[in-house]
N, C-alpha and C. Protein backbone atom coordinates (compact mmCIF):
# COMPACT_ATOMS: atom_id res chain seq x y z
N MET A 1 -144.19 -25.81 -159.72
CA MET A 1 -144.54 -25.43 -158.35
C MET A 1 -143.80 -26.32 -157.36
N SER A 2 -143.58 -25.79 -156.21
CA SER A 2 -142.85 -26.55 -155.20
C SER A 2 -143.74 -27.64 -154.59
N PRO A 3 -143.12 -28.72 -154.14
CA PRO A 3 -143.89 -29.77 -153.49
C PRO A 3 -144.46 -29.27 -152.16
N ILE A 4 -145.32 -30.06 -151.56
CA ILE A 4 -145.87 -29.74 -150.25
C ILE A 4 -145.51 -30.89 -149.32
N ASN A 5 -145.16 -30.58 -148.07
CA ASN A 5 -144.83 -31.66 -147.15
C ASN A 5 -146.04 -32.03 -146.31
N SER A 6 -145.95 -33.16 -145.63
CA SER A 6 -147.09 -33.70 -144.90
C SER A 6 -147.53 -32.77 -143.77
N LYS A 7 -146.59 -32.13 -143.11
CA LYS A 7 -146.95 -31.24 -141.99
C LYS A 7 -147.76 -30.04 -142.48
N GLU A 8 -147.33 -29.43 -143.59
CA GLU A 8 -148.06 -28.28 -144.15
C GLU A 8 -149.46 -28.70 -144.59
N LEU A 9 -149.55 -29.85 -145.27
CA LEU A 9 -150.86 -30.31 -145.75
C LEU A 9 -151.79 -30.62 -144.59
N LEU A 10 -151.31 -31.31 -143.58
CA LEU A 10 -152.13 -31.66 -142.43
C LEU A 10 -152.61 -30.41 -141.71
N THR A 11 -151.75 -29.42 -141.57
CA THR A 11 -152.13 -28.15 -140.94
C THR A 11 -153.24 -27.47 -141.73
N ARG A 12 -153.11 -27.45 -143.04
CA ARG A 12 -154.13 -26.81 -143.88
C ARG A 12 -155.47 -27.55 -143.79
N ILE A 13 -155.42 -28.89 -143.74
CA ILE A 13 -156.65 -29.67 -143.60
C ILE A 13 -157.29 -29.39 -142.24
N GLN A 14 -156.48 -29.39 -141.18
CA GLN A 14 -156.99 -29.16 -139.83
C GLN A 14 -157.56 -27.75 -139.67
N ASN A 15 -157.05 -26.81 -140.46
CA ASN A 15 -157.57 -25.44 -140.42
C ASN A 15 -158.85 -25.29 -141.24
N GLY A 16 -159.32 -26.39 -141.82
CA GLY A 16 -160.58 -26.37 -142.56
C GLY A 16 -160.49 -25.77 -143.95
N GLU A 17 -159.26 -25.66 -144.46
CA GLU A 17 -159.07 -25.10 -145.79
C GLU A 17 -159.69 -26.02 -146.85
N SER A 18 -160.31 -25.44 -147.84
CA SER A 18 -160.87 -26.21 -148.94
C SER A 18 -159.77 -26.45 -149.97
N LEU A 19 -159.36 -27.71 -150.11
CA LEU A 19 -158.23 -28.04 -150.97
C LEU A 19 -158.65 -28.95 -152.12
N ASN A 20 -157.95 -28.82 -153.23
CA ASN A 20 -158.14 -29.74 -154.36
C ASN A 20 -157.13 -30.86 -154.23
N LEU A 21 -157.58 -31.98 -153.66
CA LEU A 21 -156.70 -33.14 -153.49
C LEU A 21 -156.99 -34.13 -154.60
N LEU A 22 -155.94 -34.59 -155.25
CA LEU A 22 -156.07 -35.60 -156.30
C LEU A 22 -155.26 -36.82 -155.88
N ASP A 23 -155.96 -37.90 -155.56
CA ASP A 23 -155.33 -39.15 -155.11
C ASP A 23 -155.19 -40.05 -156.33
N VAL A 24 -153.95 -40.36 -156.72
CA VAL A 24 -153.71 -41.11 -157.95
C VAL A 24 -153.41 -42.59 -157.70
N ARG A 25 -153.76 -43.08 -156.51
CA ARG A 25 -153.62 -44.51 -156.23
C ARG A 25 -154.77 -45.26 -156.88
N GLU A 26 -154.64 -46.58 -156.95
CA GLU A 26 -155.72 -47.40 -157.49
C GLU A 26 -156.92 -47.34 -156.54
N SER A 27 -158.11 -47.60 -157.07
CA SER A 27 -159.35 -47.47 -156.30
C SER A 27 -159.33 -48.27 -155.01
N ILE A 28 -158.82 -49.50 -155.05
CA ILE A 28 -158.82 -50.33 -153.84
C ILE A 28 -157.96 -49.71 -152.75
N GLU A 29 -156.85 -49.09 -153.14
CA GLU A 29 -155.99 -48.42 -152.16
C GLU A 29 -156.72 -47.22 -151.56
N TYR A 30 -157.40 -46.46 -152.42
CA TYR A 30 -158.13 -45.27 -151.99
C TYR A 30 -159.22 -45.65 -151.00
N HIS A 31 -159.94 -46.71 -151.29
CA HIS A 31 -161.05 -47.11 -150.41
C HIS A 31 -160.57 -47.74 -149.12
N THR A 32 -159.33 -48.22 -149.09
CA THR A 32 -158.76 -48.78 -147.87
C THR A 32 -158.38 -47.66 -146.89
N TYR A 33 -157.79 -46.58 -147.40
CA TYR A 33 -157.39 -45.43 -146.57
C TYR A 33 -157.25 -44.22 -147.47
N ASN A 34 -157.88 -43.11 -147.08
CA ASN A 34 -157.70 -41.86 -147.83
C ASN A 34 -157.93 -40.67 -146.92
N ILE A 35 -157.52 -39.50 -147.38
CA ILE A 35 -157.75 -38.26 -146.64
C ILE A 35 -158.71 -37.36 -147.42
N GLY A 36 -159.48 -37.97 -148.30
CA GLY A 36 -160.44 -37.21 -149.10
C GLY A 36 -159.90 -36.90 -150.49
N GLY A 37 -160.61 -36.06 -151.18
CA GLY A 37 -160.19 -35.67 -152.52
C GLY A 37 -160.76 -36.57 -153.59
N THR A 38 -160.36 -36.29 -154.81
CA THR A 38 -160.79 -37.03 -155.98
C THR A 38 -159.84 -38.20 -156.21
N ASN A 39 -160.40 -39.37 -156.48
CA ASN A 39 -159.56 -40.52 -156.79
C ASN A 39 -159.57 -40.74 -158.29
N MET A 40 -158.40 -40.59 -158.91
CA MET A 40 -158.22 -40.90 -160.32
C MET A 40 -156.88 -41.60 -160.46
N PRO A 41 -156.90 -42.94 -160.57
CA PRO A 41 -155.64 -43.68 -160.64
C PRO A 41 -154.72 -43.15 -161.75
N LEU A 42 -153.43 -43.17 -161.45
CA LEU A 42 -152.43 -42.71 -162.41
C LEU A 42 -152.60 -43.43 -163.75
N SER A 43 -152.96 -44.70 -163.70
CA SER A 43 -153.10 -45.49 -164.93
C SER A 43 -154.20 -44.96 -165.85
N THR A 44 -155.13 -44.17 -165.31
CA THR A 44 -156.22 -43.63 -166.13
C THR A 44 -156.14 -42.11 -166.31
N LEU A 45 -155.17 -41.48 -165.66
CA LEU A 45 -155.11 -40.02 -165.65
C LEU A 45 -155.03 -39.40 -167.04
N ASN A 46 -154.13 -39.89 -167.89
CA ASN A 46 -153.97 -39.31 -169.22
C ASN A 46 -155.26 -39.35 -170.02
N ASN A 47 -155.99 -40.46 -169.94
CA ASN A 47 -157.22 -40.60 -170.72
C ASN A 47 -158.39 -39.83 -170.14
N ASN A 48 -158.37 -39.56 -168.84
CA ASN A 48 -159.52 -38.93 -168.18
C ASN A 48 -159.23 -37.53 -167.65
N ILE A 49 -158.13 -36.94 -168.05
CA ILE A 49 -157.71 -35.66 -167.48
C ILE A 49 -158.77 -34.56 -167.65
N ASN A 50 -159.53 -34.62 -168.73
CA ASN A 50 -160.55 -33.60 -168.98
C ASN A 50 -161.76 -33.75 -168.06
N GLN A 51 -161.85 -34.87 -167.35
CA GLN A 51 -162.96 -35.08 -166.41
C GLN A 51 -162.64 -34.61 -164.99
N LEU A 52 -161.45 -34.07 -164.79
CA LEU A 52 -161.04 -33.66 -163.45
C LEU A 52 -161.91 -32.55 -162.87
N GLY A 53 -162.26 -31.58 -163.68
CA GLY A 53 -163.11 -30.50 -163.20
C GLY A 53 -162.36 -29.39 -162.46
N TYR A 54 -161.06 -29.39 -162.53
CA TYR A 54 -160.28 -28.30 -161.93
C TYR A 54 -159.99 -27.24 -162.98
N ASN A 55 -159.88 -25.99 -162.54
CA ASN A 55 -159.41 -24.94 -163.43
C ASN A 55 -157.90 -25.08 -163.55
N LYS A 56 -157.36 -24.67 -164.67
CA LYS A 56 -155.92 -24.81 -164.90
C LYS A 56 -155.11 -23.93 -163.95
N THR A 57 -155.77 -22.95 -163.31
CA THR A 57 -155.06 -22.07 -162.38
C THR A 57 -155.26 -22.49 -160.92
N ASP A 58 -156.08 -23.50 -160.65
CA ASP A 58 -156.31 -23.97 -159.28
C ASP A 58 -155.06 -24.64 -158.72
N GLU A 59 -154.86 -24.50 -157.42
CA GLU A 59 -153.82 -25.29 -156.76
C GLU A 59 -154.36 -26.72 -156.64
N ILE A 60 -153.59 -27.68 -157.11
CA ILE A 60 -153.97 -29.09 -157.02
C ILE A 60 -152.85 -29.80 -156.27
N ILE A 61 -153.22 -30.50 -155.20
CA ILE A 61 -152.24 -31.26 -154.43
C ILE A 61 -152.43 -32.73 -154.78
N VAL A 62 -151.38 -33.32 -155.36
CA VAL A 62 -151.46 -34.70 -155.84
C VAL A 62 -150.84 -35.62 -154.79
N ILE A 63 -151.59 -36.69 -154.46
CA ILE A 63 -151.15 -37.59 -153.40
C ILE A 63 -151.19 -39.05 -153.85
N CYS A 64 -150.30 -39.84 -153.26
CA CYS A 64 -150.29 -41.30 -153.45
C CYS A 64 -149.70 -41.90 -152.18
N LYS A 65 -149.24 -43.11 -152.25
CA LYS A 65 -148.75 -43.78 -151.03
C LYS A 65 -147.43 -43.20 -150.53
N VAL A 66 -146.44 -43.07 -151.41
CA VAL A 66 -145.13 -42.58 -150.96
C VAL A 66 -144.61 -41.38 -151.75
N GLY A 67 -145.35 -40.92 -152.75
CA GLY A 67 -144.95 -39.72 -153.48
C GLY A 67 -144.38 -39.95 -154.86
N LEU A 68 -144.28 -41.21 -155.29
CA LEU A 68 -143.70 -41.49 -156.62
C LEU A 68 -144.74 -41.37 -157.74
N ARG A 69 -145.87 -42.04 -157.58
CA ARG A 69 -146.92 -41.93 -158.60
C ARG A 69 -147.44 -40.50 -158.68
N SER A 70 -147.54 -39.84 -157.54
CA SER A 70 -148.02 -38.46 -157.55
C SER A 70 -147.03 -37.53 -158.26
N GLN A 71 -145.75 -37.85 -158.16
CA GLN A 71 -144.74 -37.05 -158.89
C GLN A 71 -144.94 -37.19 -160.39
N THR A 72 -145.20 -38.42 -160.85
CA THR A 72 -145.48 -38.66 -162.26
C THR A 72 -146.75 -37.91 -162.68
N ALA A 73 -147.78 -37.98 -161.85
CA ALA A 73 -149.05 -37.30 -162.15
C ALA A 73 -148.86 -35.79 -162.20
N THR A 74 -148.01 -35.26 -161.33
CA THR A 74 -147.72 -33.83 -161.33
C THR A 74 -147.15 -33.42 -162.69
N THR A 75 -146.24 -34.22 -163.22
CA THR A 75 -145.65 -33.95 -164.53
C THR A 75 -146.72 -33.98 -165.62
N ILE A 76 -147.59 -34.99 -165.59
CA ILE A 76 -148.67 -35.11 -166.59
C ILE A 76 -149.58 -33.88 -166.54
N LEU A 77 -149.99 -33.48 -165.34
CA LEU A 77 -150.89 -32.33 -165.20
C LEU A 77 -150.22 -31.05 -165.71
N THR A 78 -148.95 -30.88 -165.38
CA THR A 78 -148.21 -29.70 -165.83
C THR A 78 -148.12 -29.68 -167.35
N GLU A 79 -147.88 -30.85 -167.95
CA GLU A 79 -147.82 -30.93 -169.42
C GLU A 79 -149.16 -30.60 -170.07
N HIS A 80 -150.26 -30.78 -169.32
CA HIS A 80 -151.59 -30.45 -169.83
C HIS A 80 -152.00 -29.02 -169.49
N GLY A 81 -151.07 -28.23 -168.98
CA GLY A 81 -151.34 -26.81 -168.78
C GLY A 81 -151.80 -26.41 -167.39
N TYR A 82 -151.81 -27.34 -166.44
CA TYR A 82 -152.16 -26.97 -165.07
C TYR A 82 -150.96 -26.25 -164.45
N LEU A 83 -151.23 -25.11 -163.81
CA LEU A 83 -150.14 -24.22 -163.42
C LEU A 83 -149.69 -24.36 -161.97
N GLN A 84 -150.57 -24.82 -161.08
CA GLN A 84 -150.23 -24.86 -159.65
C GLN A 84 -150.40 -26.28 -159.10
N VAL A 85 -149.60 -27.19 -159.60
CA VAL A 85 -149.68 -28.59 -159.19
C VAL A 85 -148.57 -28.87 -158.19
N ARG A 86 -148.94 -29.44 -157.04
CA ARG A 86 -147.97 -29.72 -155.98
C ARG A 86 -148.01 -31.20 -155.60
N ASN A 87 -146.86 -31.78 -155.47
CA ASN A 87 -146.74 -33.18 -155.08
C ASN A 87 -146.57 -33.27 -153.56
N LEU A 88 -147.32 -34.17 -152.93
CA LEU A 88 -147.14 -34.43 -151.50
C LEU A 88 -145.91 -35.31 -151.32
N THR A 89 -144.84 -34.72 -150.79
CA THR A 89 -143.60 -35.48 -150.59
C THR A 89 -143.81 -36.49 -149.46
N GLY A 90 -143.38 -37.71 -149.70
CA GLY A 90 -143.55 -38.77 -148.71
C GLY A 90 -144.91 -39.43 -148.74
N GLY A 91 -145.84 -38.82 -149.48
CA GLY A 91 -147.17 -39.40 -149.66
C GLY A 91 -147.95 -39.61 -148.37
N LEU A 92 -148.94 -40.47 -148.46
CA LEU A 92 -149.80 -40.74 -147.32
C LEU A 92 -149.06 -41.44 -146.19
N MET A 93 -147.96 -42.11 -146.50
CA MET A 93 -147.14 -42.73 -145.45
C MET A 93 -146.63 -41.64 -144.50
N ALA A 94 -146.23 -40.52 -145.05
CA ALA A 94 -145.74 -39.39 -144.22
C ALA A 94 -146.86 -38.81 -143.37
N ILE A 95 -148.07 -38.74 -143.93
CA ILE A 95 -149.23 -38.25 -143.17
C ILE A 95 -149.51 -39.20 -141.99
N GLN A 96 -149.50 -40.50 -142.26
CA GLN A 96 -149.79 -41.49 -141.21
C GLN A 96 -148.73 -41.44 -140.11
N LYS A 97 -147.47 -41.22 -140.46
CA LYS A 97 -146.41 -41.11 -139.45
C LYS A 97 -146.65 -39.92 -138.54
N LEU A 98 -147.10 -38.80 -139.10
CA LEU A 98 -147.38 -37.61 -138.30
C LEU A 98 -148.52 -37.85 -137.32
N LYS A 99 -149.48 -38.64 -137.72
CA LYS A 99 -150.67 -38.87 -136.89
C LYS A 99 -150.42 -39.86 -135.76
N GLN A 100 -149.28 -40.56 -135.77
CA GLN A 100 -149.00 -41.56 -134.73
C GLN A 100 -148.66 -40.93 -133.40
């Protein structure tokens, strides 16, 4: 699936769309700043993937700080049979720049 950019994601959030956001940063990063969603650090994703609770056909938007860990997580999810996984390009840094 194609990545999603910060402008598209922010628009969808502002429109009140119900999204499956998966934040793969470490817990301390998530609790410092987040835009919602499920927090499952990349370091634990492989072992806990069955606890996600998403359907394999759901659109899942994976987010991290700059888009690198989320890209890795996107690959892991796809390898586990998830069909609509999208990486937030630029990560939360791109979201914060838009909000300035």
